[in-house]
Amino acid sequence: MVMALLLATSTLGNCKSTKLVASVKSPTYAGQHFQRVLVIGMSNDPAIRTDFEGAMADALKAAGVHGIPGYNILLRTKSTAADPNYLKEQIKEHNIDAVIVSRLVGVKSEVTYVPGQAYTVPYPYYNSFYGYYGAIYPRVYSPDYLREDRTVRVETSLYGTTTPQGDLVWTGISETFNPDPKKVDKAINAVVQVVVQELKKEGIF
């Protein structure tokens, strides 16, 4: 379910809140550069899948790669299981030489107790009653509360399709801290950006 929870809860819309925490390039990767890459988002939510596949395809095009969103060539319904043979046929028919696929791998929530605290607004006349009273009166107390932090992990992998089984080229794990459900488009772009940047850094694109 790529992005299903990431984008249902969303993520803060910038790369400072989304980072790559793991990245592995296959030792068998021979340095080939891919020209036509199919983007597949593993989500049961068509809207989320469409947004992600479109954003990733656009980012690939900006990097000089022809990105093809899965919704352009794949027929997928909730009631039908994935058919590897159908997928292979579409990949061959559209001359696709690589596939990027993403999925949600975990969500971690942490609840932190934050104790309340009091502070006093400074007042210059502590040597008199009225000065003291004026200093104490504006004392402000912040009540204690519970803060919930959420970290969402998404796995993104790149496979070459020139071999019969489609060999792994690269895989990475991104983490997003404290999702914001009101910024879905920025959420997608943040994950896409860190992935594409790493693929360019590795010399794959």
C-alpha atoms as a PDB file:
ATOM      1  CA  MET A   1       0.000   0.000   0.000  1.00  0.00           C
ATOM      2  CA  VAL A   2       2.402   2.641  -1.149  1.00  0.00           C
ATOM      3  CA  MET A   3       1.651   5.968   0.376  1.00  0.00           C
ATOM      4  CA  ALA A   4      -1.734   4.722   1.548  1.00  0.00           C
ATOM      5  CA  LEU A   5      -1.081   5.830   5.073  1.00  0.00           C
ATOM      6  CA  LEU A   6       1.701   8.220   4.261  1.00  0.00           C
ATOM      7  CA  LEU A   7      -0.655  10.254   2.173  1.00  0.00           C
ATOM      8  CA  ALA A   8      -3.806   9.508   4.094  1.00  0.00           C
ATOM      9  CA  THR A   9      -2.061  11.116   7.033  1.00  0.00           C
ATOM     10  CA  SER A  10       0.276  12.890   4.620  1.00  0.00           C
ATOM     11  CA  THR A  11       3.662  14.355   5.325  1.00  0.00           C
ATOM     12  CA  LEU A  12       5.059  17.776   5.941  1.00  0.00           C
ATOM     13  CA  GLY A  13       5.593  19.323   2.588  1.00  0.00           C
ATOM     14  CA  ASN A  14       9.333  19.737   2.533  1.00  0.00           C
ATOM     15  CA  CYS A  15      12.421  17.586   2.345  1.00  0.00           C
ATOM     16  CA  LYS A  16      13.578  18.711   5.766  1.00  0.00           C
ATOM     17  CA  SER A  17      10.830  16.535   7.227  1.00  0.00           C
ATOM     18  CA  THR A  18      11.353  13.743   4.706  1.00  0.00           C
ATOM     19  CA  LYS A  19      14.735  12.055   4.460  1.00  0.00           C
ATOM     20  CA  LEU A  20      16.329   8.924   3.075  1.00  0.00           C
ATOM     21  CA  VAL A  21      17.439   6.701   5.949  1.00  0.00           C
ATOM     22  CA  ALA A  22      18.648   3.687   3.947  1.00  0.00           C
ATOM     23  CA  SER A  23      19.872   3.243   0.404  1.00  0.00           C
ATOM     24  CA  VAL A  24      21.411   0.245  -1.367  1.00  0.00           C
ATOM     25  CA  LYS A  25      22.575  -0.065  -4.955  1.00  0.00           C
ATOM     26  CA  SER A  26      22.841  -3.602  -6.285  1.00  0.00           C
ATOM     27  CA  PRO A  27      26.425  -4.828  -6.706  1.00  0.00           C
ATOM     28  CA  THR A  28      25.362  -6.350 -10.030  1.00  0.00           C
ATOM     29  CA  TYR A  29      24.350  -2.993 -11.467  1.00  0.00           C
ATOM     30  CA  ALA A  30      26.502  -2.492 -14.544  1.00  0.00           C
ATOM     31  CA  GLY A  31      25.995   1.253 -14.954  1.00  0.00           C
ATOM     32  CA  GLN A  32      23.261   1.201 -17.575  1.00  0.00           C
ATOM     33  CA  HIS A  33      21.101   4.318 -17.844  1.00  0.00           C
ATOM     34  CA  PHE A  34      17.378   3.788 -18.185  1.00  0.00           C
ATOM     35  CA  GLN A  35      15.326   5.717 -20.704  1.00  0.00           C
ATOM     36  CA  ARG A  36      11.724   4.586 -20.157  1.00  0.00           C
ATOM     37  CA  VAL A  37      10.716   3.979 -16.550  1.00  0.00           C
ATOM     38  CA  LEU A  38       7.305   2.788 -15.411  1.00  0.00           C
ATOM     39  CA  VAL A  39       6.142   4.203 -12.053  1.00  0.00           C
ATOM     40  CA  ILE A  40       3.923   1.997  -9.872  1.00  0.00           C
ATOM     41  CA  GLY A  41       2.381   3.100  -6.606  1.00  0.00           C
ATOM     42  CA  MET A  42       1.191   0.180  -4.476  1.00  0.00           C
ATOM     43  CA  SER A  43      -1.980   1.696  -3.049  1.00  0.00           C
ATOM     44  CA  ASN A  44      -5.623   0.665  -3.101  1.00  0.00           C
ATOM     45  CA  ASP A  45      -6.624   4.321  -3.196  1.00  0.00           C
ATOM     46  CA  PRO A  46      -6.785   5.365  -6.885  1.00  0.00           C
ATOM     47  CA  ALA A  47      -6.421   9.077  -6.091  1.00  0.00           C
ATOM     48  CA  ILE A  48      -3.303   8.565  -3.992  1.00  0.00           C
ATOM     49  CA  ARG A  49      -1.846   6.200  -6.562  1.00  0.00           C
ATOM     50  CA  THR A  50      -2.515   8.626  -9.394  1.00  0.00           C
ATOM     51  CA  ASP A  51      -0.986  11.592  -7.565  1.00  0.00           C
ATOM     52  CA  PHE A  52       2.149   9.666  -6.643  1.00  0.00           C
ATOM     53  CA  GLU A  53       2.694   8.089 -10.052  1.00  0.00           C
ATOM     54  CA  GLY A  54       2.194  11.421 -11.775  1.00  0.00           C
ATOM     55  CA  ALA A  55       4.571  13.271  -9.446  1.00  0.00           C
ATOM     56  CA  MET A  56       7.295  10.644  -9.790  1.00  0.00           C
ATOM     57  CA  ALA A  57       6.923  10.534 -13.572  1.00  0.00           C
ATOM     58  CA  ASP A  58       7.257  14.327 -13.745  1.00  0.00           C
ATOM     59  CA  ALA A  59      10.353  14.245 -11.533  1.00  0.00           C
ATOM     60  CA  LEU A  60      11.928  11.595 -13.748  1.00  0.00           C
ATOM     61  CA  LYS A  61      11.225  13.644 -16.854  1.00  0.00           C
ATOM     62  CA  ALA A  62      12.923  16.626 -15.211  1.00  0.00           C
ATOM     63  CA  ALA A  63      15.938  14.357 -14.686  1.00  0.00           C
ATOM     64  CA  GLY A  64      16.016  13.476 -18.369  1.00  0.00           C
ATOM     65  CA  VAL A  65      14.196  10.144 -18.109  1.00  0.00           C
ATOM     66  CA  HIS A  66      10.884   9.289 -19.755  1.00  0.00           C
ATOM     67  CA  GLY A  67       8.735   8.510 -16.722  1.00  0.00           C
ATOM     68  CA  ILE A  68       5.475   6.677 -17.411  1.00  0.00           C
ATOM     69  CA  PRO A  69       2.841   6.703 -14.653  1.00  0.00           C
ATOM     70  CA  GLY A  70       1.236   3.323 -14.130  1.00  0.00           C
ATOM     71  CA  TYR A  71      -2.271   4.717 -14.580  1.00  0.00           C
ATOM     72  CA  ASN A  72      -1.449   5.427 -18.234  1.00  0.00           C
ATOM     73  CA  ILE A  73      -0.935   1.807 -19.248  1.00  0.00           C
ATOM     74  CA  LEU A  74      -2.105  -0.499 -16.433  1.00  0.00           C
ATOM     75  CA  LEU A  75      -5.647  -1.600 -15.713  1.00  0.00           C
ATOM     76  CA  ARG A  76      -6.018  -2.093 -11.952  1.00  0.00           C
ATOM     77  CA  THR A  77      -9.139  -2.720  -9.939  1.00  0.00           C
ATOM     78  CA  LYS A  78      -9.629  -3.452  -6.265  1.00  0.00           C
ATOM     79  CA  SER A  79     -11.296  -6.750  -7.006  1.00  0.00           C
ATOM     80  CA  THR A  80      -8.606  -8.118  -9.323  1.00  0.00           C
ATOM     81  CA  ALA A  81      -5.284  -9.510  -8.125  1.00  0.00           C
ATOM     82  CA  ALA A  82      -2.105  -8.402  -9.868  1.00  0.00           C
ATOM     83  CA  ASP A  83      -1.291 -10.489 -12.935  1.00  0.00           C
ATOM     84  CA  PRO A  84       2.490 -10.744 -13.552  1.00  0.00           C
ATOM     85  CA  ASN A  85       1.929 -11.901 -17.120  1.00  0.00           C
ATOM     86  CA  TYR A  86      -0.227  -8.884 -17.903  1.00  0.00           C
ATOM     87  CA  LEU A  87       2.414  -6.621 -16.373  1.00  0.00           C
ATOM     88  CA  LYS A  88       5.161  -8.244 -18.460  1.00  0.00           C
ATOM     89  CA  GLU A  89       3.096  -7.758 -21.605  1.00  0.00           C
ATOM     90  CA  GLN A  90       2.575  -4.070 -20.912  1.00  0.00           C
ATOM     91  CA  ILE A  91       6.255  -3.545 -20.120  1.00  0.00           C
ATOM     92  CA  LYS A  92       7.256  -5.215 -23.379  1.00  0.00           C
ATOM     93  CA  GLU A  93       4.623  -3.442 -25.457  1.00  0.00           C
ATOM     94  CA  HIS A  94       5.662  -0.005 -24.206  1.00  0.00           C
ATOM     95  CA  ASN A  95       9.422  -0.653 -24.405  1.00  0.00           C
ATOM     96  CA  ILE A  96       9.944  -0.055 -20.711  1.00  0.00           C
ATOM     97  CA  ASP A  97      13.463  -0.792 -19.466  1.00  0.00           C
ATOM     98  CA  ALA A  98      12.940  -0.158 -15.741  1.00  0.00           C
ATOM     99  CA  VAL A  99      10.214   0.041 -13.099  1.00  0.00           C
ATOM    100  CA  ILE A 100      10.064   2.158  -9.942  1.00  0.00           C
ATOM    101  CA  VAL A 101       7.708   0.779  -7.317  1.00  0.00           C
ATOM    102  CA  SER A 102       6.898   2.222  -3.877  1.00  0.00           C
ATOM    103  CA  ARG A 103       5.047   0.892  -0.870  1.00  0.00           C
ATOM    104  CA  LEU A 104       4.359   1.772   2.737  1.00  0.00           C
ATOM    105  CA  VAL A 105       6.469  -0.324   5.121  1.00  0.00           C
ATOM    106  CA  GLY A 106       5.588   1.090   8.520  1.00  0.00           C
ATOM    107  CA  VAL A 107       4.272   3.839  10.747  1.00  0.00           C
ATOM    108  CA  LYS A 108       5.757   4.497  14.181  1.00  0.00           C
ATOM    109  CA  SER A 109       3.950   6.597  16.774  1.00  0.00           C
ATOM    110  CA  GLU A 110       5.528   7.927  19.947  1.00  0.00           C
ATOM    111  CA  VAL A 111       3.651   9.694  22.734  1.00  0.00           C
ATOM    112  CA  THR A 112       5.691  12.075  24.906  1.00  0.00           C
ATOM    113  CA  TYR A 113       4.552  13.608  28.186  1.00  0.00           C
ATOM    114  CA  VAL A 114       5.392  17.313  28.278  1.00  0.00           C
ATOM    115  CA  PRO A 115       5.146  18.724  31.832  1.00  0.00           C
ATOM    116  CA  GLY A 116       3.607  22.117  32.424  1.00  0.00           C
ATOM    117  CA  GLN A 117       5.786  25.023  33.489  1.00  0.00           C
ATOM    118  CA  ALA A 118       5.341  28.482  34.942  1.00  0.00           C
ATOM    119  CA  TYR A 119       7.265  31.619  34.103  1.00  0.00           C
ATOM    120  CA  THR A 120       7.133  35.210  35.271  1.00  0.00           C
ATOM    121  CA  VAL A 121       7.061  38.289  33.113  1.00  0.00           C
ATOM    122  CA  PRO A 122      10.036  40.427  34.283  1.00  0.00           C
ATOM    123  CA  TYR A 123       9.157  43.459  36.343  1.00  0.00           C
ATOM    124  CA  PRO A 124      11.709  46.032  37.539  1.00  0.00           C
ATOM    125  CA  TYR A 125      10.261  46.974  40.962  1.00  0.00           C
ATOM    126  CA  TYR A 126      10.817  43.957  43.219  1.00  0.00           C
ATOM    127  CA  ASN A 127      11.766  46.104  46.236  1.00  0.00           C
ATOM    128  CA  SER A 128       8.174  47.199  46.890  1.00  0.00           C
ATOM    129  CA  PHE A 129       4.916  45.391  47.481  1.00  0.00           C
ATOM    130  CA  TYR A 130       3.255  46.914  44.474  1.00  0.00           C
ATOM    131  CA  GLY A 131       6.247  46.195  42.329  1.00  0.00           C
ATOM    132  CA  TYR A 132       6.309  42.618  43.552  1.00  0.00           C
ATOM    133  CA  TYR A 133       2.560  42.223  43.019  1.00  0.00           C
ATOM    134  CA  GLY A 134       2.884  43.598  39.519  1.00  0.00           C
ATOM    135  CA  ALA A 135       5.592  41.049  38.788  1.00  0.00           C
ATOM    136  CA  ILE A 136       3.686  38.057  40.174  1.00  0.00           C
ATOM    137  CA  TYR A 137       0.306  38.918  38.704  1.00  0.00           C
ATOM    138  CA  PRO A 138       1.243  38.238  35.088  1.00  0.00           C
ATOM    139  CA  ARG A 139       2.677  34.824  36.002  1.00  0.00           C
ATOM    140  CA  VAL A 140       1.703  32.437  33.228  1.00  0.00           C
ATOM    141  CA  TYR A 141       1.279  28.691  33.645  1.00  0.00           C
ATOM    142  CA  SER A 142       1.513  26.289  30.740  1.00  0.00           C
ATOM    143  CA  PRO A 143      -0.434  23.067  31.456  1.00  0.00           C
ATOM    144  CA  ASP A 144       1.076  19.660  30.824  1.00  0.00           C
ATOM    145  CA  TYR A 145       0.016  17.700  27.770  1.00  0.00           C
ATOM    146  CA  LEU A 146       0.735  14.631  25.660  1.00  0.00           C
ATOM    147  CA  ARG A 147       2.464  15.092  22.308  1.00  0.00           C
ATOM    148  CA  GLU A 148       2.179  12.414  19.625  1.00  0.00           C
ATOM    149  CA  ASP A 149       4.901  12.203  16.997  1.00  0.00           C
ATOM    150  CA  ARG A 150       4.518  10.009  13.944  1.00  0.00           C
ATOM    151  CA  THR A 151       7.161   8.688  11.573  1.00  0.00           C
ATOM    152  CA  VAL A 152       6.096   7.146   8.266  1.00  0.00           C
ATOM    153  CA  ARG A 153       8.391   4.837   6.293  1.00  0.00           C
ATOM    154  CA  VAL A 154       8.106   4.221   2.559  1.00  0.00           C
ATOM    155  CA  GLU A 155      10.193   1.793   0.526  1.00  0.00           C
ATOM    156  CA  THR A 156      11.017   2.666  -3.080  1.00  0.00           C
ATOM    157  CA  SER A 157      12.797   0.246  -5.401  1.00  0.00           C
ATOM    158  CA  LEU A 158      14.065   0.376  -8.968  1.00  0.00           C
ATOM    159  CA  TYR A 159      14.160  -2.750 -11.122  1.00  0.00           C
ATOM    160  CA  GLY A 160      15.638  -3.250 -14.573  1.00  0.00           C
ATOM    161  CA  THR A 161      13.281  -5.096 -16.934  1.00  0.00           C
ATOM    162  CA  THR A 162      15.709  -6.330 -19.565  1.00  0.00           C
ATOM    163  CA  THR A 163      16.187  -9.613 -17.656  1.00  0.00           C
ATOM    164  CA  PRO A 164      13.442 -12.267 -17.445  1.00  0.00           C
ATOM    165  CA  GLN A 165      12.677 -11.650 -13.757  1.00  0.00           C
ATOM    166  CA  GLY A 166      13.544  -7.959 -13.526  1.00  0.00           C
ATOM    167  CA  ASP A 167      16.691  -7.490 -11.455  1.00  0.00           C
ATOM    168  CA  LEU A 168      16.908  -5.077  -8.526  1.00  0.00           C
ATOM    169  CA  VAL A 169      19.025  -2.002  -9.266  1.00  0.00           C
ATOM    170  CA  TRP A 170      18.415   0.161  -6.209  1.00  0.00           C
ATOM    171  CA  THR A 171      16.239   0.291  -3.121  1.00  0.00           C
ATOM    172  CA  GLY A 172      15.791   2.928  -0.439  1.00  0.00           C
ATOM    173  CA  ILE A 173      13.747   3.733   2.653  1.00  0.00           C
ATOM    174  CA  SER A 174      12.446   7.242   3.244  1.00  0.00           C
ATOM    175  CA  GLU A 175      11.116   8.552   6.545  1.00  0.00           C
ATOM    176  CA  THR A 176       8.680  11.395   7.052  1.00  0.00           C
ATOM    177  CA  PHE A 177       8.302  12.975  10.465  1.00  0.00           C
ATOM    178  CA  ASN A 178       4.941  14.231  11.746  1.00  0.00           C
ATOM    179  CA  PRO A 179       2.608  13.959   8.754  1.00  0.00           C
ATOM    180  CA  ASP A 180       0.274  16.824   7.943  1.00  0.00           C
ATOM    181  CA  PRO A 181      -3.013  15.557   6.452  1.00  0.00           C
ATOM    182  CA  LYS A 182      -3.695  18.923   4.810  1.00  0.00           C
ATOM    183  CA  LYS A 183      -0.655  18.875   2.522  1.00  0.00           C
ATOM    184  CA  VAL A 184      -0.999  15.777   0.389  1.00  0.00           C
ATOM    185  CA  ASP A 185       0.562  17.193  -2.784  1.00  0.00           C
ATOM    186  CA  LYS A 186       3.601  18.498  -0.931  1.00  0.00           C
ATOM    187  CA  ALA A 187       3.837  15.179   0.863  1.00  0.00           C
ATOM    188  CA  ILE A 188       4.178  13.276  -2.374  1.00  0.00           C
ATOM    189  CA  ASN A 189       6.691  15.727  -3.796  1.00  0.00           C
ATOM    190  CA  ALA A 190       8.870  15.470  -0.685  1.00  0.00           C
ATOM    191  CA  VAL A 191       9.203  11.699  -0.966  1.00  0.00           C
ATOM    192  CA  VAL A 192       9.669  11.830  -4.735  1.00  0.00           C
ATOM    193  CA  GLN A 193      12.354  14.492  -4.448  1.00  0.00           C
ATOM    194  CA  VAL A 194      14.584  12.637  -1.995  1.00  0.00           C
ATOM    195  CA  VAL A 195      14.316   9.432  -4.056  1.00  0.00           C
ATOM    196  CA  VAL A 196      15.145  11.041  -7.393  1.00  0.00           C
ATOM    197  CA  GLN A 197      18.004  13.034  -5.868  1.00  0.00           C
ATOM    198  CA  GLU A 198      19.549   9.826  -4.554  1.00  0.00           C
ATOM    199  CA  LEU A 199      19.149   8.029  -7.890  1.00  0.00           C
ATOM    200  CA  LYS A 200      20.916  10.928  -9.613  1.00  0.00           C
ATOM    201  CA  LYS A 201      23.632  10.940  -6.940  1.00  0.00           C
ATOM    202  CA  GLU A 202      24.194   7.215  -7.532  1.00  0.00           C
ATOM    203  CA  GLY A 203      24.596   7.872 -11.262  1.00  0.00           C
ATOM    204  CA  ILE A 204      21.597   5.727 -12.192  1.00  0.00           C
ATOM    205  CA  PHE A 205      19.768   8.648 -13.821  1.00  0.00           C
END
